[in-house]
Amino acid sequence: MSFFGTGARSGPAAGQLDQQRLGEAAMELEAVSDLFNRIVASCHAKCISTRYTEPDLNKGEGVCVDRCVSKYFAANEKVQERLQNAQKAGGGLGGM
């Protein structure tokens, strides 16, 4: 059985489904990578000094990064909820 659960399928329809799943997985990976990169850039700028004096994060920097990431995910979750509610209400994104 393959990683995408396509071991028992065959034929043109299965190939199309495999390509669709591969495309969806690639889009999801791109979205997760983008989110990770934005979190790193934002929290690094806010929490870590540009003058590196130690090889590891000190306690204050570590706590700041932890809080920053937590807040970023909380804000991201709220935005997703609002977008889903707008889509359910039929409002969508209004031209996007």
PDB file of N, CA and C in Angstrom:
ATOM      1  N   MET A   1       0.842  -1.178   0.000  1.00  0.00           N
ATOM      2  CA  MET A   1       0.000   0.000   0.000  1.00  0.00           C
ATOM      3  C   MET A   1       0.886   1.239   0.000  1.00  0.00           C
ATOM      4  N   SER A   2       0.556   2.207  -0.824  1.00  0.00           N
ATOM      5  CA  SER A   2       1.373   3.402  -0.929  1.00  0.00           C
ATOM      6  C   SER A   2       1.048   4.391   0.184  1.00  0.00           C
ATOM      7  N   PHE A   3       1.840   5.415   0.262  1.00  0.00           N
ATOM      8  CA  PHE A   3       1.680   6.446   1.284  1.00  0.00           C
ATOM      9  C   PHE A   3       0.338   7.153   1.169  1.00  0.00           C
ATOM     10  N   PHE A   4      -0.158   7.354  -0.048  1.00  0.00           N
ATOM     11  CA  PHE A   4      -1.412   8.060  -0.255  1.00  0.00           C
ATOM     12  C   PHE A   4      -2.604   7.122  -0.304  1.00  0.00           C
ATOM     13  N   GLY A   5      -2.439   5.862   0.040  1.00  0.00           N
ATOM     14  CA  GLY A   5      -3.551   4.923   0.094  1.00  0.00           C
ATOM     15  C   GLY A   5      -4.067   4.523  -1.265  1.00  0.00           C
ATOM     16  N   THR A   6      -3.190   4.399  -2.247  1.00  0.00           N
ATOM     17  CA  THR A   6      -3.622   4.097  -3.606  1.00  0.00           C
ATOM     18  C   THR A   6      -3.137   2.739  -4.085  1.00  0.00           C
ATOM     19  N   GLY A   7      -2.755   1.862  -3.195  1.00  0.00           N
ATOM     20  CA  GLY A   7      -2.181   0.581  -3.573  1.00  0.00           C
ATOM     21  C   GLY A   7      -3.118  -0.328  -4.340  1.00  0.00           C
ATOM     22  N   ALA A   8      -4.424  -0.320  -4.098  1.00  0.00           N
ATOM     23  CA  ALA A   8      -5.344  -1.270  -4.709  1.00  0.00           C
ATOM     24  C   ALA A   8      -6.051  -0.710  -5.938  1.00  0.00           C
ATOM     25  N   ARG A   9      -5.851   0.542  -6.291  1.00  0.00           N
ATOM     26  CA  ARG A   9      -6.561   1.140  -7.416  1.00  0.00           C
ATOM     27  C   ARG A   9      -5.784   0.946  -8.708  1.00  0.00           C
ATOM     28  N   SER A  10      -6.519   0.968  -9.810  1.00  0.00           N
ATOM     29  CA  SER A  10      -5.873   0.930 -11.112  1.00  0.00           C
ATOM     30  C   SER A  10      -6.779   1.600 -12.121  1.00  0.00           C
ATOM     31  N   GLY A  11      -6.229   1.953 -13.263  1.00  0.00           N
ATOM     32  CA  GLY A  11      -7.017   2.554 -14.321  1.00  0.00           C
ATOM     33  C   GLY A  11      -6.872   4.057 -14.358  1.00  0.00           C
ATOM     34  N   PRO A  12      -7.466   4.686 -15.385  1.00  0.00           N
ATOM     35  CA  PRO A  12      -7.320   6.131 -15.563  1.00  0.00           C
ATOM     36  C   PRO A  12      -7.944   6.955 -14.444  1.00  0.00           C
ATOM     37  N   ALA A  13      -9.078   6.525 -13.921  1.00  0.00           N
ATOM     38  CA  ALA A  13      -9.728   7.289 -12.852  1.00  0.00           C
ATOM     39  C   ALA A  13      -8.864   7.308 -11.600  1.00  0.00           C
ATOM     40  N   ALA A  14      -8.220   6.186 -11.311  1.00  0.00           N
ATOM     41  CA  ALA A  14      -7.346   6.118 -10.139  1.00  0.00           C
ATOM     42  C   ALA A  14      -6.140   7.031 -10.322  1.00  0.00           C
ATOM     43  N   GLY A  15      -5.613   7.086 -11.537  1.00  0.00           N
ATOM     44  CA  GLY A  15      -4.484   7.968 -11.814  1.00  0.00           C
ATOM     45  C   GLY A  15      -4.850   9.423 -11.627  1.00  0.00           C
ATOM     46  N   GLN A  16      -6.062   9.783 -12.048  1.00  0.00           N
ATOM     47  CA  GLN A  16      -6.536  11.147 -11.877  1.00  0.00           C
ATOM     48  C   GLN A  16      -6.698  11.479 -10.396  1.00  0.00           C
ATOM     49  N   LEU A  17      -7.239  10.527  -9.642  1.00  0.00           N
ATOM     50  CA  LEU A  17      -7.423  10.719  -8.211  1.00  0.00           C
ATOM     51  C   LEU A  17      -6.073  10.865  -7.522  1.00  0.00           C
ATOM     52  N   ASP A  18      -5.105  10.045  -7.941  1.00  0.00           N
ATOM     53  CA  ASP A  18      -3.767  10.137  -7.364  1.00  0.00           C
ATOM     54  C   ASP A  18      -3.157  11.510  -7.617  1.00  0.00           C
ATOM     55  N   GLN A  19      -3.308  12.020  -8.830  1.00  0.00           N
ATOM     56  CA  GLN A  19      -2.771  13.337  -9.166  1.00  0.00           C
ATOM     57  C   GLN A  19      -3.462  14.429  -8.351  1.00  0.00           C
ATOM     58  N   GLN A  20      -4.759  14.271  -8.158  1.00  0.00           N
ATOM     59  CA  GLN A  20      -5.509  15.248  -7.366  1.00  0.00           C
ATOM     60  C   GLN A  20      -5.020  15.237  -5.920  1.00  0.00           C
ATOM     61  N   ARG A  21      -4.849  14.055  -5.367  1.00  0.00           N
ATOM     62  CA  ARG A  21      -4.362  13.954  -3.978  1.00  0.00           C
ATOM     63  C   ARG A  21      -2.954  14.506  -3.851  1.00  0.00           C
ATOM     64  N   LEU A  22      -2.123  14.227  -4.842  1.00  0.00           N
ATOM     65  CA  LEU A  22      -0.763  14.736  -4.831  1.00  0.00           C
ATOM     66  C   LEU A  22      -0.773  16.262  -4.874  1.00  0.00           C
ATOM     67  N   GLY A  23      -1.631  16.824  -5.709  1.00  0.00           N
ATOM     68  CA  GLY A  23      -1.756  18.275  -5.791  1.00  0.00           C
ATOM     69  C   GLY A  23      -2.238  18.879  -4.488  1.00  0.00           C
ATOM     70  N   GLU A  24      -3.224  18.228  -3.871  1.00  0.00           N
ATOM     71  CA  GLU A  24      -3.741  18.709  -2.588  1.00  0.00           C
ATOM     72  C   GLU A  24      -2.671  18.635  -1.505  1.00  0.00           C
ATOM     73  N   ALA A  25      -1.906  17.550  -1.501  1.00  0.00           N
ATOM     74  CA  ALA A  25      -0.839  17.401  -0.511  1.00  0.00           C
ATOM     75  C   ALA A  25       0.237  18.464  -0.719  1.00  0.00           C
ATOM     76  N   ALA A  26       0.556  18.758  -1.972  1.00  0.00           N
ATOM     77  CA  ALA A  26       1.558  19.782  -2.268  1.00  0.00           C
ATOM     78  C   ALA A  26       1.073  21.156  -1.818  1.00  0.00           C
ATOM     79  N   MET A  27      -0.210  21.450  -2.055  1.00  0.00           N
ATOM     80  CA  MET A  27      -0.765  22.737  -1.624  1.00  0.00           C
ATOM     81  C   MET A  27      -0.764  22.851  -0.102  1.00  0.00           C
ATOM     82  N   GLU A  28      -1.099  21.757   0.574  1.00  0.00           N
ATOM     83  CA  GLU A  28      -1.113  21.769   2.035  1.00  0.00           C
ATOM     84  C   GLU A  28       0.298  21.955   2.584  1.00  0.00           C
ATOM     85  N   LEU A  29       1.265  21.274   1.983  1.00  0.00           N
ATOM     86  CA  LEU A  29       2.655  21.422   2.408  1.00  0.00           C
ATOM     87  C   LEU A  29       3.129  22.855   2.204  1.00  0.00           C
ATOM     88  N   GLU A  30       2.750  23.452   1.087  1.00  0.00           N
ATOM     89  CA  GLU A  30       3.126  24.840   0.817  1.00  0.00           C
ATOM     90  C   GLU A  30       2.500  25.784   1.844  1.00  0.00           C
ATOM     91  N   ALA A  31       1.238  25.546   2.196  1.00  0.00           N
ATOM     92  CA  ALA A  31       0.560  26.393   3.182  1.00  0.00           C
ATOM     93  C   ALA A  31       1.207  26.260   4.558  1.00  0.00           C
ATOM     94  N   VAL A  32       1.537  25.040   4.952  1.00  0.00           N
ATOM     95  CA  VAL A  32       2.170  24.812   6.257  1.00  0.00           C
ATOM     96  C   VAL A  32       3.563  25.440   6.282  1.00  0.00           C
ATOM     97  N   SER A  33       4.306  25.289   5.193  1.00  0.00           N
ATOM     98  CA  SER A  33       5.642  25.885   5.116  1.00  0.00           C
ATOM     99  C   SER A  33       5.570  27.402   5.187  1.00  0.00           C
ATOM    100  N   ASP A  34       4.587  27.986   4.495  1.00  0.00           N
ATOM    101  CA  ASP A  34       4.407  29.434   4.523  1.00  0.00           C
ATOM    102  C   ASP A  34       4.067  29.904   5.936  1.00  0.00           C
ATOM    103  N   LEU A  35       3.162  29.198   6.604  1.00  0.00           N
ATOM    104  CA  LEU A  35       2.792  29.545   7.977  1.00  0.00           C
ATOM    105  C   LEU A  35       4.011  29.468   8.891  1.00  0.00           C
ATOM    106  N   PHE A  36       4.779  28.396   8.777  1.00  0.00           N
ATOM    107  CA  PHE A  36       5.979  28.221   9.593  1.00  0.00           C
ATOM    108  C   PHE A  36       6.959  29.368   9.358  1.00  0.00           C
ATOM    109  N   ASN A  37       7.203  29.703   8.092  1.00  0.00           N
ATOM    110  CA  ASN A  37       8.155  30.769   7.775  1.00  0.00           C
ATOM    111  C   ASN A  37       7.690  32.126   8.300  1.00  0.00           C
ATOM    112  N   ARG A  38       6.386  32.396   8.226  1.00  0.00           N
ATOM    113  CA  ARG A  38       5.866  33.660   8.751  1.00  0.00           C
ATOM    114  C   ARG A  38       5.989  33.711  10.271  1.00  0.00           C
ATOM    115  N   ILE A  39       5.723  32.591  10.938  1.00  0.00           N
ATOM    116  CA  ILE A  39       5.863  32.543  12.400  1.00  0.00           C
ATOM    117  C   ILE A  39       7.318  32.768  12.797  1.00  0.00           C
ATOM    118  N   VAL A  40       8.227  32.077  12.132  1.00  0.00           N
ATOM    119  CA  VAL A  40       9.649  32.218  12.455  1.00  0.00           C
ATOM    120  C   VAL A  40      10.100  33.661  12.260  1.00  0.00           C
ATOM    121  N   ALA A  41       9.735  34.254  11.135  1.00  0.00           N
ATOM    122  CA  ALA A  41      10.161  35.631  10.861  1.00  0.00           C
ATOM    123  C   ALA A  41       9.590  36.599  11.896  1.00  0.00           C
ATOM    124  N   SER A  42       8.314  36.470  12.183  1.00  0.00           N
ATOM    125  CA  SER A  42       7.662  37.386  13.116  1.00  0.00           C
ATOM    126  C   SER A  42       8.203  37.227  14.531  1.00  0.00           C
ATOM    127  N   CYS A  43       8.236  35.999  15.018  1.00  0.00           N
ATOM    128  CA  CYS A  43       8.651  35.769  16.404  1.00  0.00           C
ATOM    129  C   CYS A  43      10.151  35.987  16.591  1.00  0.00           C
ATOM    130  N   HIS A  44      10.946  35.698  15.578  1.00  0.00           N
ATOM    131  CA  HIS A  44      12.384  35.947  15.672  1.00  0.00           C
ATOM    132  C   HIS A  44      12.637  37.442  15.794  1.00  0.00           C
ATOM    133  N   ALA A  45      11.947  38.225  14.979  1.00  0.00           N
ATOM    134  CA  ALA A  45      12.131  39.678  15.019  1.00  0.00           C
ATOM    135  C   ALA A  45      11.693  40.260  16.362  1.00  0.00           C
ATOM    136  N   LYS A  46      10.639  39.713  16.950  1.00  0.00           N
ATOM    137  CA  LYS A  46      10.111  40.250  18.205  1.00  0.00           C
ATOM    138  C   LYS A  46      10.901  39.801  19.428  1.00  0.00           C
ATOM    139  N   CYS A  47      11.444  38.595  19.392  1.00  0.00           N
ATOM    140  CA  CYS A  47      11.947  37.985  20.626  1.00  0.00           C
ATOM    141  C   CYS A  47      13.458  37.810  20.714  1.00  0.00           C
ATOM    142  N   ILE A  48      14.143  37.792  19.601  1.00  0.00           N
ATOM    143  CA  ILE A  48      15.561  37.438  19.639  1.00  0.00           C
ATOM    144  C   ILE A  48      16.397  38.628  19.191  1.00  0.00           C
ATOM    145  N   SER A  49      17.341  38.994  20.020  1.00  0.00           N
ATOM    146  CA  SER A  49      18.220  40.115  19.732  1.00  0.00           C
ATOM    147  C   SER A  49      19.084  39.819  18.510  1.00  0.00           C
ATOM    148  N   THR A  50      19.410  40.863  17.768  1.00  0.00           N
ATOM    149  CA  THR A  50      20.278  40.675  16.602  1.00  0.00           C
ATOM    150  C   THR A  50      21.737  40.534  17.018  1.00  0.00           C
ATOM    151  N   ARG A  51      22.025  40.830  18.265  1.00  0.00           N
ATOM    152  CA  ARG A  51      23.374  40.668  18.797  1.00  0.00           C
ATOM    153  C   ARG A  51      23.432  39.347  19.559  1.00  0.00           C
ATOM    154  N   TYR A  52      23.967  38.335  18.920  1.00  0.00           N
ATOM    155  CA  TYR A  52      24.019  37.007  19.536  1.00  0.00           C
ATOM    156  C   TYR A  52      25.192  36.936  20.503  1.00  0.00           C
ATOM    157  N   THR A  53      24.889  36.722  21.787  1.00  0.00           N
ATOM    158  CA  THR A  53      25.943  36.615  22.795  1.00  0.00           C
ATOM    159  C   THR A  53      26.070  35.195  23.326  1.00  0.00           C
ATOM    160  N   GLU A  54      25.067  34.372  23.089  1.00  0.00           N
ATOM    161  CA  GLU A  54      25.070  32.991  23.567  1.00  0.00           C
ATOM    162  C   GLU A  54      24.686  32.068  22.413  1.00  0.00           C
ATOM    163  N   PRO A  55      25.136  30.820  22.461  1.00  0.00           N
ATOM    164  CA  PRO A  55      24.780  29.893  21.375  1.00  0.00           C
ATOM    165  C   PRO A  55      23.328  29.412  21.428  1.00  0.00           C
ATOM    166  N   ASP A  56      22.703  29.518  22.584  1.00  0.00           N
ATOM    167  CA  ASP A  56      21.318  29.069  22.755  1.00  0.00           C
ATOM    168  C   ASP A  56      20.445  30.243  23.170  1.00  0.00           C
ATOM    169  N   LEU A  57      19.130  30.043  23.067  1.00  0.00           N
ATOM    170  CA  LEU A  57      18.203  31.065  23.552  1.00  0.00           C
ATOM    171  C   LEU A  57      18.305  31.156  25.065  1.00  0.00           C
ATOM    172  N   ASN A  58      18.250  32.379  25.583  1.00  0.00           N
ATOM    173  CA  ASN A  58      18.184  32.491  27.037  1.00  0.00           C
ATOM    174  C   ASN A  58      16.733  32.282  27.460  1.00  0.00           C
ATOM    175  N   LYS A  59      16.492  32.258  28.757  1.00  0.00           N
ATOM    176  CA  LYS A  59      15.147  31.941  29.249  1.00  0.00           C
ATOM    177  C   LYS A  59      14.103  32.948  28.763  1.00  0.00           C
ATOM    178  N   GLY A  60      14.429  34.219  28.806  1.00  0.00           N
ATOM    179  CA  GLY A  60      13.496  35.252  28.365  1.00  0.00           C
ATOM    180  C   GLY A  60      13.137  35.111  26.890  1.00  0.00           C
ATOM    181  N   GLU A  61      14.137  34.834  26.061  1.00  0.00           N
ATOM    182  CA  GLU A  61      13.885  34.652  24.629  1.00  0.00           C
ATOM    183  C   GLU A  61      13.016  33.427  24.381  1.00  0.00           C
ATOM    184  N   GLY A  62      13.310  32.352  25.104  1.00  0.00           N
ATOM    185  CA  GLY A  62      12.528  31.126  24.944  1.00  0.00           C
ATOM    186  C   GLY A  62      11.071  31.318  25.326  1.00  0.00           C
ATOM    187  N   VAL A  63      10.842  32.016  26.435  1.00  0.00           N
ATOM    188  CA  VAL A  63       9.471  32.292  26.879  1.00  0.00           C
ATOM    189  C   VAL A  63       8.767  33.188  25.865  1.00  0.00           C
ATOM    190  N   CYS A  64       9.480  34.192  25.370  1.00  0.00           N
ATOM    191  CA  CYS A  64       8.901  35.109  24.389  1.00  0.00           C
ATOM    192  C   CYS A  64       8.509  34.364  23.112  1.00  0.00           C
ATOM    193  N   VAL A  65       9.380  33.512  22.621  1.00  0.00           N
ATOM    194  CA  VAL A  65       9.081  32.745  21.404  1.00  0.00           C
ATOM    195  C   VAL A  65       7.878  31.840  21.639  1.00  0.00           C
ATOM    196  N   ASP A  66       7.839  31.189  22.797  1.00  0.00           N
ATOM    197  CA  ASP A  66       6.714  30.304  23.114  1.00  0.00           C
ATOM    198  C   ASP A  66       5.395  31.075  23.113  1.00  0.00           C
ATOM    199  N   ARG A  67       5.380  32.219  23.755  1.00  0.00           N
ATOM    200  CA  ARG A  67       4.159  33.043  23.800  1.00  0.00           C
ATOM    201  C   ARG A  67       3.795  33.572  22.416  1.00  0.00           C
ATOM    202  N   CYS A  68       4.798  33.988  21.675  1.00  0.00           N
ATOM    203  CA  CYS A  68       4.565  34.535  20.338  1.00  0.00           C
ATOM    204  C   CYS A  68       3.931  33.486  19.427  1.00  0.00           C
ATOM    205  N   VAL A  69       4.475  32.286  19.433  1.00  0.00           N
ATOM    206  CA  VAL A  69       3.932  31.210  18.597  1.00  0.00           C
ATOM    207  C   VAL A  69       2.512  30.875  19.031  1.00  0.00           C
ATOM    208  N   SER A  70       2.286  30.823  20.337  1.00  0.00           N
ATOM    209  CA  SER A  70       0.951  30.529  20.851  1.00  0.00           C
ATOM    210  C   SER A  70      -0.057  31.585  20.400  1.00  0.00           C
ATOM    211  N   LYS A  71       0.314  32.850  20.504  1.00  0.00           N
ATOM    212  CA  LYS A  71      -0.576  33.936  20.081  1.00  0.00           C
ATOM    213  C   LYS A  71      -0.800  33.906  18.572  1.00  0.00           C
ATOM    214  N   TYR A  72       0.228  33.578  17.826  1.00  0.00           N
ATOM    215  CA  TYR A  72       0.110  33.518  16.367  1.00  0.00           C
ATOM    216  C   TYR A  72      -0.906  32.453  15.969  1.00  0.00           C
ATOM    217  N   PHE A  73      -0.810  31.279  16.600  1.00  0.00           N
ATOM    218  CA  PHE A  73      -1.765  30.207  16.299  1.00  0.00           C
ATOM    219  C   PHE A  73      -3.178  30.578  16.736  1.00  0.00           C
ATOM    220  N   ALA A  74      -3.314  31.242  17.886  1.00  0.00           N
ATOM    221  CA  ALA A  74      -4.641  31.655  18.350  1.00  0.00           C
ATOM    222  C   ALA A  74      -5.259  32.658  17.380  1.00  0.00           C
ATOM    223  N   ALA A  75      -4.467  33.612  16.920  1.00  0.00           N
ATOM    224  CA  ALA A  75      -4.974  34.596  15.958  1.00  0.00           C
ATOM    225  C   ALA A  75      -5.326  33.928  14.635  1.00  0.00           C
ATOM    226  N   ASN A  76      -4.490  33.009  14.194  1.00  0.00           N
ATOM    227  CA  ASN A  76      -4.744  32.287  12.945  1.00  0.00           C
ATOM    228  C   ASN A  76      -6.039  31.481  13.042  1.00  0.00           C
ATOM    229  N   GLU A  77      -6.274  30.870  14.185  1.00  0.00           N
ATOM    230  CA  GLU A  77      -7.498  30.091  14.394  1.00  0.00           C
ATOM    231  C   GLU A  77      -8.736  30.987  14.340  1.00  0.00           C
ATOM    232  N   LYS A  78      -8.648  32.171  14.946  1.00  0.00           N
ATOM    233  CA  LYS A  78      -9.783  33.102  14.921  1.00  0.00           C
ATOM    234  C   LYS A  78     -10.075  33.580  13.501  1.00  0.00           C
ATOM    235  N   VAL A  79      -9.037  33.848  12.739  1.00  0.00           N
ATOM    236  CA  VAL A  79      -9.225  34.275  11.348  1.00  0.00           C
ATOM    237  C   VAL A  79      -9.893  33.164  10.547  1.00  0.00           C
ATOM    238  N   GLN A  80      -9.438  31.931  10.738  1.00  0.00           N
ATOM    239  CA  GLN A  80     -10.037  30.796  10.025  1.00  0.00           C
ATOM    240  C   GLN A  80     -11.507  30.634  10.393  1.00  0.00           C
ATOM    241  N   GLU A  81     -11.838  30.778  11.667  1.00  0.00           N
ATOM    242  CA  GLU A  81     -13.235  30.666  12.101  1.00  0.00           C
ATOM    243  C   GLU A  81     -14.100  31.732  11.440  1.00  0.00           C
ATOM    244  N   ARG A  82     -13.594  32.958  11.391  1.00  0.00           N
ATOM    245  CA  ARG A  82     -14.369  34.045  10.768  1.00  0.00           C
ATOM    246  C   ARG A  82     -14.556  33.803   9.279  1.00  0.00           C
ATOM    247  N   LEU A  83     -13.518  33.328   8.613  1.00  0.00           N
ATOM    248  CA  LEU A  83     -13.639  33.033   7.185  1.00  0.00           C
ATOM    249  C   LEU A  83     -14.657  31.925   6.940  1.00  0.00           C
ATOM    250  N   GLN A  84     -14.626  30.888   7.771  1.00  0.00           N
ATOM    251  CA  GLN A  84     -15.584  29.792   7.620  1.00  0.00           C
ATOM    252  C   GLN A  84     -17.002  30.276   7.877  1.00  0.00           C
ATOM    253  N   ASN A  85     -17.196  31.112   8.879  1.00  0.00           N
ATOM    254  CA  ASN A  85     -18.528  31.651   9.164  1.00  0.00           C
ATOM    255  C   ASN A  85     -19.020  32.526   8.019  1.00  0.00           C
ATOM    256  N   ALA A  86     -18.119  33.307   7.435  1.00  0.00           N
ATOM    257  CA  ALA A  86     -18.502  34.156   6.306  1.00  0.00           C
ATOM    258  C   ALA A  86     -18.879  33.307   5.095  1.00  0.00           C
ATOM    259  N   GLN A  87     -18.154  32.219   4.878  1.00  0.00           N
ATOM    260  CA  GLN A  87     -18.467  31.332   3.757  1.00  0.00           C
ATOM    261  C   GLN A  87     -19.799  30.629   3.978  1.00  0.00           C
ATOM    262  N   LYS A  88     -20.070  30.219   5.212  1.00  0.00           N
ATOM    263  CA  LYS A  88     -21.341  29.559   5.519  1.00  0.00           C
ATOM    264  C   LYS A  88     -22.510  30.519   5.344  1.00  0.00           C
ATOM    265  N   ALA A  89     -22.276  31.778   5.683  1.00  0.00           N
ATOM    266  CA  ALA A  89     -23.330  32.783   5.562  1.00  0.00           C
ATOM    267  C   ALA A  89     -23.528  33.230   4.115  1.00  0.00           C
ATOM    268  N   GLY A  90     -22.649  32.778   3.236  1.00  0.00           N
ATOM    269  CA  GLY A  90     -22.779  33.121   1.827  1.00  0.00           C
ATOM    270  C   GLY A  90     -22.067  34.393   1.446  1.00  0.00           C
ATOM    271  N   GLY A  91     -21.375  34.997   2.384  1.00  0.00           N
ATOM    272  CA  GLY A  91     -20.673  36.241   2.102  1.00  0.00           C
ATOM    273  C   GLY A  91     -19.381  36.038   1.343  1.00  0.00           C
ATOM    274  N   GLY A  92     -18.717  34.926   1.608  1.00  0.00           N
ATOM    275  CA  GLY A  92     -17.450  34.666   0.944  1.00  0.00           C
ATOM    276  C   GLY A  92     -16.439  35.747   1.265  1.00  0.00           C
ATOM    277  N   LEU A  93     -15.556  36.019   0.313  1.00  0.00           N
ATOM    278  CA  LEU A  93     -14.538  37.037   0.510  1.00  0.00           C
ATOM    279  C   LEU A  93     -14.829  38.286  -0.305  1.00  0.00           C
ATOM    280  N   GLY A  94     -15.955  38.332  -0.972  1.00  0.00           N
ATOM    281  CA  GLY A  94     -16.386  39.533  -1.664  1.00  0.00           C
ATOM    282  C   GLY A  94     -15.439  40.046  -2.721  1.00  0.00           C
ATOM    283  N   GLY A  95     -15.065  39.218  -3.675  1.00  0.00           N
ATOM    284  CA  GLY A  95     -14.242  39.685  -4.777  1.00  0.00           C
ATOM    285  C   GLY A  95     -12.839  39.141  -4.779  1.00  0.00           C
ATOM    286  N   MET A  96     -12.451  38.418  -3.777  1.00  0.00           N
ATOM    287  CA  MET A  96     -11.109  37.847  -3.763  1.00  0.00           C
ATOM    288  C   MET A  96     -11.087  36.563  -4.530  1.00  0.00           C
TER     289      MET A  96
END
